[in-house]
Structures are given as C-alpha cells and as structure tokens.
PDB file of N, CA and C in Angstrom:
ATOM      1  N   UNK A   1       4.768   7.935  20.234  1.00  0.00           N
ATOM      2  CA  UNK A   1       3.571   8.604  19.427  1.00  0.00           C
ATOM      3  C   UNK A   1       2.739   7.642  18.966  1.00  0.00           C
ATOM      4  N   UNK A   2       1.399   7.882  18.883  1.00  0.00           N
ATOM      5  CA  UNK A   2       0.307   7.087  18.400  1.00  0.00           C
ATOM      6  C   UNK A   2       0.277   6.994  17.341  1.00  0.00           C
ATOM      7  N   UNK A   3      -0.088   5.649  16.459  1.00  0.00           N
ATOM      8  CA  UNK A   3      -0.417   4.847  15.408  1.00  0.00           C
ATOM      9  C   UNK A   3      -1.714   5.247  15.154  1.00  0.00           C
ATOM     10  N   UNK A   4      -2.146   6.219  14.066  1.00  0.00           N
ATOM     11  CA  UNK A   4      -3.485   6.091  13.803  1.00  0.00           C
ATOM     12  C   UNK A   4      -3.927   5.102  12.801  1.00  0.00           C
ATOM     13  N   UNK A   5      -3.295   5.306  11.475  1.00  0.00           N
ATOM     14  CA  UNK A   5      -3.554   4.506  10.363  1.00  0.00           C
ATOM     15  C   UNK A   5      -2.264   3.859  10.084  1.00  0.00           C
ATOM     16  N   UNK A   6      -2.475   2.462  10.393  1.00  0.00           N
ATOM     17  CA  UNK A   6      -1.248   1.666  10.129  1.00  0.00           C
ATOM     18  C   UNK A   6      -1.036   1.539   8.805  1.00  0.00           C
ATOM     19  N   UNK A   7      -1.821   1.503   7.950  1.00  0.00           N
ATOM     20  CA  UNK A   7      -1.471   1.313   6.525  1.00  0.00           C
ATOM     21  C   UNK A   7      -1.109   2.522   5.986  1.00  0.00           C
ATOM     22  N   UNK A   8      -1.347   3.661   6.430  1.00  0.00           N
ATOM     23  CA  UNK A   8      -0.712   4.916   6.313  1.00  0.00           C
ATOM     24  C   UNK A   8       0.861   5.077   6.474  1.00  0.00           C
ATOM     25  N   UNK A   9       1.153   4.655   7.895  1.00  0.00           N
ATOM     26  CA  UNK A   9       2.196   4.403   8.202  1.00  0.00           C
ATOM     27  C   UNK A   9       3.066   3.423   7.779  1.00  0.00           C
ATOM     28  N   UNK A  10       2.764   2.505   6.770  1.00  0.00           N
ATOM     29  CA  UNK A  10       3.371   1.398   6.022  1.00  0.00           C
ATOM     30  C   UNK A  10       3.893   2.260   4.860  1.00  0.00           C
ATOM     31  N   UNK A  11       3.103   2.355   4.473  1.00  0.00           N
ATOM     32  CA  UNK A  11       3.276   2.831   2.906  1.00  0.00           C
ATOM     33  C   UNK A  11       3.913   4.396   3.018  1.00  0.00           C
ATOM     34  N   UNK A  12       3.900   4.879   3.965  1.00  0.00           N
ATOM     35  CA  UNK A  12       5.015   6.234   4.261  1.00  0.00           C
ATOM     36  C   UNK A  12       6.303   5.758   4.405  1.00  0.00           C
ATOM     37  N   UNK A  13       6.364   4.485   4.934  1.00  0.00           N
ATOM     38  CA  UNK A  13       7.725   4.011   5.216  1.00  0.00           C
ATOM     39  C   UNK A  13       8.668   3.503   3.985  1.00  0.00           C
ATOM     40  N   UNK A  14       7.654   2.816   3.509  1.00  0.00           N
ATOM     41  CA  UNK A  14       7.738   2.193   2.033  1.00  0.00           C
ATOM     42  C   UNK A  14       8.563   3.346   1.092  1.00  0.00           C
ATOM     43  N   UNK A  15       7.925   4.617   0.741  1.00  0.00           N
ATOM     44  CA  UNK A  15       7.846   5.413   0.222  1.00  0.00           C
ATOM     45  C   UNK A  15       9.392   6.331   0.329  1.00  0.00           C
ATOM     46  N   UNK A  16       9.585   6.626   1.740  1.00  0.00           N
ATOM     47  CA  UNK A  16      10.521   7.040   2.237  1.00  0.00           C
ATOM     48  C   UNK A  16      11.863   6.298   2.030  1.00  0.00           C
ATOM     49  N   UNK A  17      11.822   4.954   2.326  1.00  0.00           N
ATOM     50  CA  UNK A  17      12.688   3.962   1.712  1.00  0.00           C
ATOM     51  C   UNK A  17      13.169   4.256   0.084  1.00  0.00           C
ATOM     52  N   UNK A  18      11.879   3.885   0.052  1.00  0.00           N
ATOM     53  CA  UNK A  18      12.274   3.830  -1.784  1.00  0.00           C
ATOM     54  C   UNK A  18      13.209   5.244  -2.254  1.00  0.00           C
ATOM     55  N   UNK A  19      12.657   6.395  -1.499  1.00  0.00           N
ATOM     56  CA  UNK A  19      13.376   7.571  -2.119  1.00  0.00           C
ATOM     57  C   UNK A  19      14.727   8.106  -1.852  1.00  0.00           C
ATOM     58  N   UNK A  20      15.437   7.171  -0.482  1.00  0.00           N
ATOM     59  CA  UNK A  20      16.240   7.030  -0.176  1.00  0.00           C
ATOM     60  C   UNK A  20      17.326   6.184  -0.760  1.00  0.00           C
ATOM     61  N   UNK A  21      16.660   5.394  -1.766  1.00  0.00           N
ATOM     62  CA  UNK A  21      17.448   4.433  -2.656  1.00  0.00           C
ATOM     63  C   UNK A  21      17.966   2.933  -1.458  1.00  0.00           C
ATOM     64  N   UNK A  22      16.990   2.865  -0.399  1.00  0.00           N
ATOM     65  CA  UNK A  22      17.173   1.492   0.437  1.00  0.00           C
ATOM     66  C   UNK A  22      16.906   0.296  -0.278  1.00  0.00           C
ATOM     67  N   UNK A  23      17.389  -0.695  -0.056  1.00  0.00           N
ATOM     68  CA  UNK A  23      16.628  -1.913  -0.638  1.00  0.00           C
ATOM     69  C   UNK A  23      15.794  -2.786   0.243  1.00  0.00           C
ATOM     70  N   UNK A  24      15.976  -2.745   1.261  1.00  0.00           N
ATOM     71  CA  UNK A  24      14.851  -3.264   2.443  1.00  0.00           C
ATOM     72  C   UNK A  24      14.575  -2.041   3.156  1.00  0.00           C
ATOM     73  N   UNK A  25      12.852  -2.641   3.825  1.00  0.00           N
ATOM     74  CA  UNK A  25      12.741  -1.685   4.567  1.00  0.00           C
ATOM     75  C   UNK A  25      11.585  -2.500   5.942  1.00  0.00           C
ATOM     76  N   UNK A  26      11.766  -2.237   6.642  1.00  0.00           N
ATOM     77  CA  UNK A  26      11.265  -3.061   7.854  1.00  0.00           C
ATOM     78  C   UNK A  26       9.836  -2.336   8.638  1.00  0.00           C
ATOM     79  N   UNK A  27       8.714  -2.767   8.398  1.00  0.00           N
ATOM     80  CA  UNK A  27       7.111  -2.124   8.789  1.00  0.00           C
ATOM     81  C   UNK A  27       7.003  -3.089  10.070  1.00  0.00           C
ATOM     82  N   UNK A  28       6.763  -2.078  11.097  1.00  0.00           N
ATOM     83  CA  UNK A  28       5.818  -2.180  12.395  1.00  0.00           C
ATOM     84  C   UNK A  28       4.995  -1.532  12.490  1.00  0.00           C
ATOM     85  N   UNK A  29       3.917  -1.931  13.181  1.00  0.00           N
ATOM     86  CA  UNK A  29       3.027  -3.032  13.463  1.00  0.00           C
ATOM     87  C   UNK A  29       2.663  -3.617  11.645  1.00  0.00           C
ATOM     88  N   UNK A  30       2.389  -4.886  11.899  1.00  0.00           N
ATOM     89  CA  UNK A  30       2.265  -5.650  10.409  1.00  0.00           C
ATOM     90  C   UNK A  30       0.471  -6.192  11.113  1.00  0.00           C
ATOM     91  N   UNK A  31      -0.383  -5.919   9.821  1.00  0.00           N
ATOM     92  CA  UNK A  31      -1.803  -6.265  10.106  1.00  0.00           C
ATOM     93  C   UNK A  31      -2.293  -6.881   8.609  1.00  0.00           C
ATOM     94  N   UNK A  32      -3.365  -7.252   8.666  1.00  0.00           N
ATOM     95  CA  UNK A  32      -3.694  -8.127   7.492  1.00  0.00           C
ATOM     96  C   UNK A  32      -3.813  -7.271   6.336  1.00  0.00           C
ATOM     97  N   UNK A  33      -4.535  -6.209   6.825  1.00  0.00           N
ATOM     98  CA  UNK A  33      -4.764  -4.910   5.628  1.00  0.00           C
ATOM     99  C   UNK A  33      -3.384  -4.555   4.847  1.00  0.00           C
ATOM    100  N   UNK A  34      -2.259  -4.319   5.548  1.00  0.00           N
ATOM    101  CA  UNK A  34      -1.014  -4.324   5.047  1.00  0.00           C
ATOM    102  C   UNK A  34      -0.402  -5.324   3.991  1.00  0.00           C
ATOM    103  N   UNK A  35      -0.714  -6.677   4.764  1.00  0.00           N
ATOM    104  CA  UNK A  35      -0.341  -7.858   4.147  1.00  0.00           C
ATOM    105  C   UNK A  35      -1.098  -7.940   2.357  1.00  0.00           C
ATOM    106  N   UNK A  36      -2.386  -7.657   2.652  1.00  0.00           N
ATOM    107  CA  UNK A  36      -3.353  -7.736   1.327  1.00  0.00           C
ATOM    108  C   UNK A  36      -2.912  -6.642   0.400  1.00  0.00           C
ATOM    109  N   UNK A  37      -2.628  -5.192   0.738  1.00  0.00           N
ATOM    110  CA  UNK A  37      -1.963  -4.331  -0.070  1.00  0.00           C
ATOM    111  C   UNK A  37      -0.577  -5.046  -0.529  1.00  0.00           C
ATOM    112  N   UNK A  38       0.181  -5.277   0.339  1.00  0.00           N
ATOM    113  CA  UNK A  38       1.418  -5.503  -0.124  1.00  0.00           C
ATOM    114  C   UNK A  38       1.583  -6.690  -1.100  1.00  0.00           C
ATOM    115  N   UNK A  39       0.379  -7.624  -0.959  1.00  0.00           N
ATOM    116  CA  UNK A  39       0.553  -8.675  -2.122  1.00  0.00           C
ATOM    117  C   UNK A  39      -0.167  -8.061  -3.695  1.00  0.00           C
ATOM    118  N   UNK A  40      -0.805  -7.065  -3.481  1.00  0.00           N
ATOM    119  CA  UNK A  40      -1.484  -6.372  -4.714  1.00  0.00           C
ATOM    120  C   UNK A  40      -0.142  -5.967  -5.185  1.00  0.00           C
ATOM    121  N   UNK A  41       0.627  -5.241  -4.495  1.00  0.00           N
ATOM    122  CA  UNK A  41       1.844  -4.491  -5.002  1.00  0.00           C
ATOM    123  C   UNK A  41       2.583  -5.373  -5.426  1.00  0.00           C
ATOM    124  N   UNK A  42       3.260  -6.924  -4.675  1.00  0.00           N
ATOM    125  CA  UNK A  42       3.963  -7.609  -5.417  1.00  0.00           C
ATOM    126  C   UNK A  42       3.511  -8.061  -6.668  1.00  0.00           C
ATOM    127  N   UNK A  43       1.853  -8.223  -6.953  1.00  0.00           N
ATOM    128  CA  UNK A  43       1.684  -8.990  -8.280  1.00  0.00           C
ATOM    129  C   UNK A  43       1.637  -8.138  -9.320  1.00  0.00           C
ATOM    130  N   UNK A  44       1.923  -6.667  -8.965  1.00  0.00           N
ATOM    131  CA  UNK A  44       1.967  -6.067 -10.133  1.00  0.00           C
ATOM    132  C   UNK A  44       3.369  -5.516 -10.170  1.00  0.00           C
ATOM    133  N   UNK A  45       4.327  -6.082  -9.518  1.00  0.00           N
ATOM    134  CA  UNK A  45       5.358  -5.970  -9.494  1.00  0.00           C
ATOM    135  C   UNK A  45       6.158  -4.337  -9.208  1.00  0.00           C
ATOM    136  N   UNK A  46       5.562  -3.813  -8.150  1.00  0.00           N
ATOM    137  CA  UNK A  46       5.993  -2.829  -7.722  1.00  0.00           C
ATOM    138  C   UNK A  46       7.227  -3.014  -6.548  1.00  0.00           C
ATOM    139  N   UNK A  47       6.666  -3.754  -6.005  1.00  0.00           N
ATOM    140  CA  UNK A  47       7.941  -4.297  -4.528  1.00  0.00           C
ATOM    141  C   UNK A  47       8.179  -5.856  -5.116  1.00  0.00           C
ATOM    142  N   UNK A  48       9.407  -6.407  -4.135  1.00  0.00           N
ATOM    143  CA  UNK A  48       9.767  -7.460  -4.199  1.00  0.00           C
ATOM    144  C   UNK A  48       9.079  -8.320  -3.454  1.00  0.00           C
ATOM    145  N   UNK A  49       9.805  -9.252  -2.666  1.00  0.00           N
ATOM    146  CA  UNK A  49       8.949 -10.189  -1.625  1.00  0.00           C
ATOM    147  C   UNK A  49       8.953  -9.819  -0.389  1.00  0.00           C
ATOM    148  N   UNK A  50       7.967  -9.842   0.131  1.00  0.00           N
ATOM    149  CA  UNK A  50       7.532  -9.705   1.651  1.00  0.00           C
ATOM    150  C   UNK A  50       7.687 -11.009   2.450  1.00  0.00           C
ATOM    151  N   UNK A  51       8.595 -10.972   3.520  1.00  0.00           N
ATOM    152  CA  UNK A  51       8.496 -11.675   4.736  1.00  0.00           C
ATOM    153  C   UNK A  51       8.153 -11.134   6.064  1.00  0.00           C
ATOM    154  N   UNK A  52       7.163 -11.962   6.682  1.00  0.00           N
ATOM    155  CA  UNK A  52       6.429 -11.636   8.094  1.00  0.00           C
ATOM    156  C   UNK A  52       7.252 -12.304   8.909  1.00  0.00           C
ATOM    157  N   UNK A  53       7.414 -11.621  10.146  1.00  0.00           N
ATOM    158  CA  UNK A  53       8.187 -12.069  11.164  1.00  0.00           C
ATOM    159  C   UNK A  53       7.249 -12.090  12.236  1.00  0.00           C
ATOM    160  N   UNK A  54       7.118 -13.172  12.732  1.00  0.00           N
ATOM    161  CA  UNK A  54       5.958 -13.215  14.070  1.00  0.00           C
ATOM    162  C   UNK A  54       6.903 -13.222  15.215  1.00  0.00           C
ATOM    163  N   UNK A  55       6.904 -11.822  15.844  1.00  0.00           N
ATOM    164  CA  UNK A  55       7.314 -11.796  17.312  1.00  0.00           C
ATOM    165  C   UNK A  55       6.429 -11.888  18.069  1.00  0.00           C
ATOM    166  N   UNK A  56       5.373 -12.351  18.132  1.00  0.00           N
ATOM    167  CA  UNK A  56       4.542 -12.810  19.502  1.00  0.00           C
ATOM    168  C   UNK A  56       3.924 -11.419  20.126  1.00  0.00           C
ATOM    169  N   UNK A  57       4.022 -10.536  19.150  1.00  0.00           N
ATOM    170  CA  UNK A  57       3.483  -9.409  19.788  1.00  0.00           C
ATOM    171  C   UNK A  57       2.322  -8.650  18.263  1.00  0.00           C
ATOM    172  N   UNK A  58       2.948  -7.560  17.682  1.00  0.00           N
ATOM    173  CA  UNK A  58       2.099  -7.087  16.764  1.00  0.00           C
ATOM    174  C   UNK A  58       2.585  -7.520  15.368  1.00  0.00           C
ATOM    175  N   UNK A  59       3.971  -7.913  15.464  1.00  0.00           N
ATOM    176  CA  UNK A  59       4.641  -8.641  14.225  1.00  0.00           C
ATOM    177  C   UNK A  59       5.432  -7.461  13.461  1.00  0.00           C
ATOM    178  N   UNK A  60       6.273  -7.977  12.212  1.00  0.00           N
ATOM    179  CA  UNK A  60       6.857  -7.262  11.443  1.00  0.00           C
ATOM    180  C   UNK A  60       6.926  -7.833  10.270  1.00  0.00           C
ATOM    181  N   UNK A  61       7.489  -6.941   9.139  1.00  0.00           N
ATOM    182  CA  UNK A  61       7.389  -7.211   8.153  1.00  0.00           C
ATOM    183  C   UNK A  61       8.555  -6.585   7.495  1.00  0.00           C
ATOM    184  N   UNK A  62       9.360  -7.222   6.638  1.00  0.00           N
ATOM    185  CA  UNK A  62      10.601  -6.998   5.889  1.00  0.00           C
ATOM    186  C   UNK A  62      10.061  -7.093   4.169  1.00  0.00           C
ATOM    187  N   UNK A  63      10.245  -5.923   3.791  1.00  0.00           N
ATOM    188  CA  UNK A  63       9.491  -5.785   2.197  1.00  0.00           C
ATOM    189  C   UNK A  63      10.984  -5.358   1.403  1.00  0.00           C
ATOM    190  N   UNK A  64      11.112  -6.204   0.010  1.00  0.00           N
ATOM    191  CA  UNK A  64      12.601  -5.942  -0.280  1.00  0.00           C
ATOM    192  C   UNK A  64      11.819  -4.978  -1.748  1.00  0.00           C
ATOM    193  N   UNK A  65      12.459  -4.027  -1.640  1.00  0.00           N
ATOM    194  CA  UNK A  65      12.154  -2.689  -2.857  1.00  0.00           C
ATOM    195  C   UNK A  65      12.845  -3.014  -4.109  1.00  0.00           C
ATOM    196  N   UNK A  66      12.356  -2.796  -5.039  1.00  0.00           N
ATOM    197  CA  UNK A  66      12.723  -3.066  -6.417  1.00  0.00           C
ATOM    198  C   UNK A  66      13.127  -1.845  -6.819  1.00  0.00           C
ATOM    199  N   UNK A  67      12.624  -0.664  -6.859  1.00  0.00           N
ATOM    200  CA  UNK A  67      13.006   0.755  -6.971  1.00  0.00           C
ATOM    201  C   UNK A  67      12.319   0.977  -8.394  1.00  0.00           C
ATOM    202  N   UNK A  68      11.130   0.753  -8.393  1.00  0.00           N
ATOM    203  CA  UNK A  68       9.782   0.993  -9.406  1.00  0.00           C
ATOM    204  C   UNK A  68       8.804   1.790  -9.095  1.00  0.00           C
ATOM    205  N   UNK A  69       8.733   1.990  -7.480  1.00  0.00           N
ATOM    206  CA  UNK A  69       7.851   2.694  -7.178  1.00  0.00           C
ATOM    207  C   UNK A  69       8.138   4.020  -6.913  1.00  0.00           C
ATOM    208  N   UNK A  70       7.303   5.071  -7.465  1.00  0.00           N
ATOM    209  CA  UNK A  70       7.368   6.451  -7.636  1.00  0.00           C
ATOM    210  C   UNK A  70       6.791   7.167  -6.395  1.00  0.00           C
ATOM    211  N   UNK A  71       5.534   7.022  -5.976  1.00  0.00           N
ATOM    212  CA  UNK A  71       4.847   7.215  -4.980  1.00  0.00           C
ATOM    213  C   UNK A  71       4.025   6.182  -4.322  1.00  0.00           C
ATOM    214  N   UNK A  72       3.493   6.094  -3.188  1.00  0.00           N
ATOM    215  CA  UNK A  72       2.341   5.267  -2.713  1.00  0.00           C
ATOM    216  C   UNK A  72       1.776   6.209  -1.382  1.00  0.00           C
ATOM    217  N   UNK A  73       0.387   5.870  -1.408  1.00  0.00           N
ATOM    218  CA  UNK A  73      -0.046   6.561  -0.211  1.00  0.00           C
ATOM    219  C   UNK A  73      -1.484   6.369  -0.113  1.00  0.00           C
ATOM    220  N   UNK A  74      -2.125   6.793   0.643  1.00  0.00           N
ATOM    221  CA  UNK A  74      -3.860   6.908   1.133  1.00  0.00           C
ATOM    222  C   UNK A  74      -4.604   7.842   1.006  1.00  0.00           C
ATOM    223  N   UNK A  75      -5.868   7.799   0.648  1.00  0.00           N
ATOM    224  CA  UNK A  75      -6.738   9.048   0.639  1.00  0.00           C
ATOM    225  C   UNK A  75      -7.308   8.903   1.677  1.00  0.00           C
ATOM    226  N   UNK A  76      -7.334   9.811   2.470  1.00  0.00           N
ATOM    227  CA  UNK A  76      -8.205  10.312   3.886  1.00  0.00           C
ATOM    228  C   UNK A  76      -8.923  11.252   4.154  1.00  0.00           C
ATOM    229  N   UNK A  77      -9.996  11.016   4.583  1.00  0.00           N
ATOM    230  CA  UNK A  77     -10.500  10.196   4.846  1.00  0.00           C
ATOM    231  C   UNK A  77     -11.372   9.230   3.684  1.00  0.00           C
ATOM    232  N   UNK A  78     -11.902   8.272   3.897  1.00  0.00           N
ATOM    233  CA  UNK A  78     -12.077   7.242   3.233  1.00  0.00           C
ATOM    234  C   UNK A  78     -13.570   7.843   2.671  1.00  0.00           C
ATOM    235  N   UNK A  79     -13.946   7.397   1.472  1.00  0.00           N
ATOM    236  CA  UNK A  79     -14.981   8.323   0.941  1.00  0.00           C
ATOM    237  C   UNK A  79     -15.786   6.622   0.092  1.00  0.00           C
ATOM    238  N   UNK A  80     -17.052   7.082   0.526  1.00  0.00           N
ATOM    239  CA  UNK A  80     -17.948   5.669  -0.238  1.00  0.00           C
ATOM    240  C   UNK A  80     -17.999   6.094  -1.568  1.00  0.00           C
ATOM    241  N   UNK A  81     -17.901   5.448  -2.297  1.00  0.00           N
ATOM    242  CA  UNK A  81     -17.635   5.331  -4.036  1.00  0.00           C
ATOM    243  C   UNK A  81     -18.389   4.225  -4.438  1.00  0.00           C
ATOM    244  N   UNK A  82     -19.565   4.592  -5.214  1.00  0.00           N
ATOM    245  CA  UNK A  82     -20.030   3.175  -5.732  1.00  0.00           C
ATOM    246  C   UNK A  82     -20.054   2.918  -6.823  1.00  0.00           C
ATOM    247  N   UNK A  83     -20.328   1.826  -7.480  1.00  0.00           N
ATOM    248  CA  UNK A  83     -19.424   1.351  -8.547  1.00  0.00           C
ATOM    249  C   UNK A  83     -19.810   1.958 -10.041  1.00  0.00           C
ATOM    250  N   UNK A  84     -20.958   3.015 -10.058  1.00  0.00           N
ATOM    251  CA  UNK A  84     -21.080   3.603 -11.346  1.00  0.00           C
ATOM    252  C   UNK A  84     -20.294   5.032 -10.858  1.00  0.00           C
ATOM    253  N   UNK A  85     -19.977   5.506  -9.904  1.00  0.00           N
ATOM    254  CA  UNK A  85     -19.140   6.679  -9.746  1.00  0.00           C
ATOM    255  C   UNK A  85     -17.727   6.124  -9.403  1.00  0.00           C
ATOM    256  N   UNK A  86     -17.040   5.136  -9.819  1.00  0.00           N
ATOM    257  CA  UNK A  86     -15.895   4.524  -9.897  1.00  0.00           C
ATOM    258  C   UNK A  86     -14.947   5.184 -11.170  1.00  0.00           C
ATOM    259  N   UNK A  87     -15.104   5.232 -11.966  1.00  0.00           N
ATOM    260  CA  UNK A  87     -14.753   5.935 -13.212  1.00  0.00           C
ATOM    261  C   UNK A  87     -14.149   7.425 -13.007  1.00  0.00           C
ATOM    262  N   UNK A  88     -15.482   7.956 -12.310  1.00  0.00           N
ATOM    263  CA  UNK A  88     -15.470   9.354 -12.557  1.00  0.00           C
ATOM    264  C   UNK A  88     -14.229   9.767 -11.071  1.00  0.00           C
ATOM    265  N   UNK A  89     -14.403   8.900 -10.253  1.00  0.00           N
ATOM    266  CA  UNK A  89     -13.351   9.255  -9.063  1.00  0.00           C
ATOM    267  C   UNK A  89     -11.875   8.620  -9.785  1.00  0.00           C
ATOM    268  N   UNK A  90     -12.064   7.785 -10.422  1.00  0.00           N
ATOM    269  CA  UNK A  90     -10.741   7.220 -10.898  1.00  0.00           C
ATOM    270  C   UNK A  90      -9.955   8.310 -12.022  1.00  0.00           C
ATOM    271  N   UNK A  91     -10.648   9.499 -12.934  1.00  0.00           N
ATOM    272  CA  UNK A  91     -10.467  10.132 -13.652  1.00  0.00           C
ATOM    273  C   UNK A  91      -9.940  11.372 -12.625  1.00  0.00           C
ATOM    274  N   UNK A  92     -10.260  11.500 -11.723  1.00  0.00           N
ATOM    275  CA  UNK A  92      -9.915  12.575 -10.746  1.00  0.00           C
ATOM    276  C   UNK A  92      -8.675  12.622  -9.832  1.00  0.00           C
ATOM    277  N   UNK A  93      -8.559  11.068  -9.787  1.00  0.00           N
ATOM    278  CA  UNK A  93      -7.289  11.120  -8.762  1.00  0.00           C
ATOM    279  C   UNK A  93      -6.061  10.680  -9.777  1.00  0.00           C
ATOM    280  N   UNK A  94      -6.303   9.711 -10.727  1.00  0.00           N
ATOM    281  CA  UNK A  94      -5.087   9.569 -11.451  1.00  0.00           C
ATOM    282  C   UNK A  94      -4.449  10.582 -12.409  1.00  0.00           C
ATOM    283  N   UNK A  95      -3.135  10.695 -12.768  1.00  0.00           N
ATOM    284  CA  UNK A  95      -2.582  11.484 -13.421  1.00  0.00           C
ATOM    285  C   UNK A  95      -2.376  10.938 -14.854  1.00  0.00           C
ATOM    286  N   UNK A  96      -2.227   9.251 -15.016  1.00  0.00           N
ATOM    287  CA  UNK A  96      -2.455   8.446 -16.273  1.00  0.00           C
ATOM    288  C   UNK A  96      -2.690   7.587 -16.077  1.00  0.00           C
ATOM    289  N   UNK A  97      -3.537   6.659 -16.683  1.00  0.00           N
ATOM    290  CA  UNK A  97      -3.730   5.229 -16.770  1.00  0.00           C
ATOM    291  C   UNK A  97      -2.678   4.391 -17.399  1.00  0.00           C
ATOM    292  N   UNK A  98      -1.893   4.905 -17.786  1.00  0.00           N
ATOM    293  CA  UNK A  98      -0.786   4.333 -18.227  1.00  0.00           C
ATOM    294  C   UNK A  98       0.076   3.832 -16.864  1.00  0.00           C
ATOM    295  N   UNK A  99       0.025   4.366 -15.882  1.00  0.00           N
ATOM    296  CA  UNK A  99       1.468   4.234 -15.125  1.00  0.00           C
ATOM    297  C   UNK A  99       0.754   4.162 -13.557  1.00  0.00           C
ATOM    298  N   UNK A 100      -0.502   4.726 -13.367  1.00  0.00           N
ATOM    299  CA  UNK A 100      -0.940   4.799 -12.111  1.00  0.00           C
ATOM    300  C   UNK A 100      -1.936   3.990 -12.136  1.00  0.00           C
ATOM    301  N   UNK A 101      -1.977   3.751 -10.431  1.00  0.00           N
ATOM    302  CA  UNK A 101      -2.829   2.128 -10.179  1.00  0.00           C
ATOM    303  C   UNK A 101      -3.628   2.763  -8.641  1.00  0.00           C
ATOM    304  N   UNK A 102      -4.925   2.342  -9.061  1.00  0.00           N
ATOM    305  CA  UNK A 102      -5.670   2.340  -7.655  1.00  0.00           C
ATOM    306  C   UNK A 102      -5.908   1.320  -7.186  1.00  0.00           C
ATOM    307  N   UNK A 103      -5.746   1.007  -5.581  1.00  0.00           N
ATOM    308  CA  UNK A 103      -5.872   0.171  -5.056  1.00  0.00           C
ATOM    309  C   UNK A 103      -7.273   0.417  -3.782  1.00  0.00           C
ATOM    310  N   UNK A 104      -8.449  -0.356  -4.023  1.00  0.00           N
ATOM    311  CA  UNK A 104      -9.844  -0.403  -2.880  1.00  0.00           C
ATOM    312  C   UNK A 104      -9.795  -0.968  -1.946  1.00  0.00           C
ATOM    313  N   UNK A 105     -10.203  -0.563  -0.655  1.00  0.00           N
ATOM    314  CA  UNK A 105     -10.745  -1.280   0.579  1.00  0.00           C
ATOM    315  C   UNK A 105     -12.007  -1.528   0.165  1.00  0.00           C
ATOM    316  N   UNK A 106     -12.521  -2.586   0.446  1.00  0.00           N
ATOM    317  CA  UNK A 106     -14.176  -2.993   0.250  1.00  0.00           C
ATOM    318  C   UNK A 106     -14.171  -4.050   1.801  1.00  0.00           C
ATOM    319  N   UNK A 107     -15.707  -3.959   1.728  1.00  0.00           N
ATOM    320  CA  UNK A 107     -16.166  -4.765   2.813  1.00  0.00           C
ATOM    321  C   UNK A 107     -15.767  -6.105   2.728  1.00  0.00           C
ATOM    322  N   UNK A 108     -15.506  -6.632   1.396  1.00  0.00           N
ATOM    323  CA  UNK A 108     -15.268  -7.920   0.978  1.00  0.00           C
ATOM    324  C   UNK A 108     -13.604  -8.289   0.990  1.00  0.00           C
ATOM    325  N   UNK A 109     -12.772  -7.170   0.694  1.00  0.00           N
ATOM    326  CA  UNK A 109     -11.310  -7.310   0.478  1.00  0.00           C
ATOM    327  C   UNK A 109     -10.902  -6.092   0.010  1.00  0.00           C
ATOM    328  N   UNK A 110      -9.790  -6.395  -0.534  1.00  0.00           N
ATOM    329  CA  UNK A 110      -8.912  -5.533  -1.547  1.00  0.00           C
ATOM    330  C   UNK A 110      -8.600  -5.931  -2.878  1.00  0.00           C
ATOM    331  N   UNK A 111      -9.548  -5.026  -3.614  1.00  0.00           N
ATOM    332  CA  UNK A 111      -9.709  -4.837  -5.057  1.00  0.00           C
ATOM    333  C   UNK A 111      -8.711  -3.832  -5.845  1.00  0.00           C
ATOM    334  N   UNK A 112      -8.227  -3.995  -6.991  1.00  0.00           N
ATOM    335  CA  UNK A 112      -7.327  -3.127  -7.729  1.00  0.00           C
ATOM    336  C   UNK A 112      -8.358  -2.822  -8.836  1.00  0.00           C
ATOM    337  N   UNK A 113      -8.082  -1.637  -9.712  1.00  0.00           N
ATOM    338  CA  UNK A 113      -8.808  -1.419 -10.679  1.00  0.00           C
ATOM    339  C   UNK A 113      -8.393  -2.392 -12.143  1.00  0.00           C
TER     340      UNK A 113
END
C-alpha cells in the first residue's frame, strides 16, 4: 500500500487506537510534521508523551493515549486561507469553540488557533 499523506495515516491510526481503548499506538513512518503536530496535541493534553524510535530507516513513533481524544483528522485537499478569512473558515469547520481545536500548517511551521 502506498502512503500518500503521512499525517493522515498517523492521525487515522491514533483515532482508531483511541476508539478501541488502547493505551499506546505505534506510528510508522515518523516525519517532522507528525512530531510537530503531536507536540501541539501534547501541549493541549489530548495525548500523553511521544517517544521517537530511530531505526535508521523512516523512524517510528510510540504515542501514549490518554482517552481524551474524540476524533482527529486532516482536511484534504489543502485550502489557501488568508488571515482575514480564518474566522469564517473556523466557524464553518468547528462544532463548538469550547471543545474543538484547529491546527494549521503554514510555510513557517504549525500554529493553533
């Protein structure tokens, strides 16, 4: 099977393991975008700590799950959003501002709303 979007596959495996009630999930391959995204999720206490295993190939990542995650995923295809249109796009995507969270990838890095 060909891996098209590494971040989508990683978030899908985290989501499936969370639904099944697992405590840990192994993510392969590991990339910088996945590590940056997981650091945002750790900062907001959606997942526990992340351990990167360097196997001199594509790398592996072991994530400790906390049980607080309902659903995570990506929006594909990627849309160009200006800062003026960010509030409108956020209102269209989020169900509730109290529980939901958007993480954006930019040319500078990853930012959260």
